[in-house]
Amino acid sequence: PRFGVEIGAVVGFSHNDREFEGVIVDISLGGIRLRMTAPSPVIEEDFTVMHPQAGALQVRQSWIKGSAMGVEFVMPQDSRLARSLRCVQLLLDEEAEIGGPESAQA
């Protein structure tokens, strides 16, 4: 599932000696969708996106459409990000089994 982000973080990356910025529009366990401040470049190799809180995130471009771009996380199975995402997935799965967020708050 994808989760919309009301106030998305601005992330940046470099490609072919140019700097790019984008705003995170939504996020899933597999990646993020960015709204770029300029047309999205085509990037065929893995690259690093810098997030203000999470730091460096290794990603791979999965699609582009105008100034929107989807990237998927690229990480070793034992990475800190992979472990965090697995914990989030477990919490989401558990919440779904017990009836969603309303019953979790009761």
Foldseek 3Di string as FASTA:
>chain_A
DKAADPFFFKKWFDDPNDIWIWTFGIADLFWTKTQTPAFDDDDQDWTWIQTPPPGTFIWGWDDGDGRMTIITGDDDCPDPSNVVSVVVVVVVVVQVVQPHDVVVVD
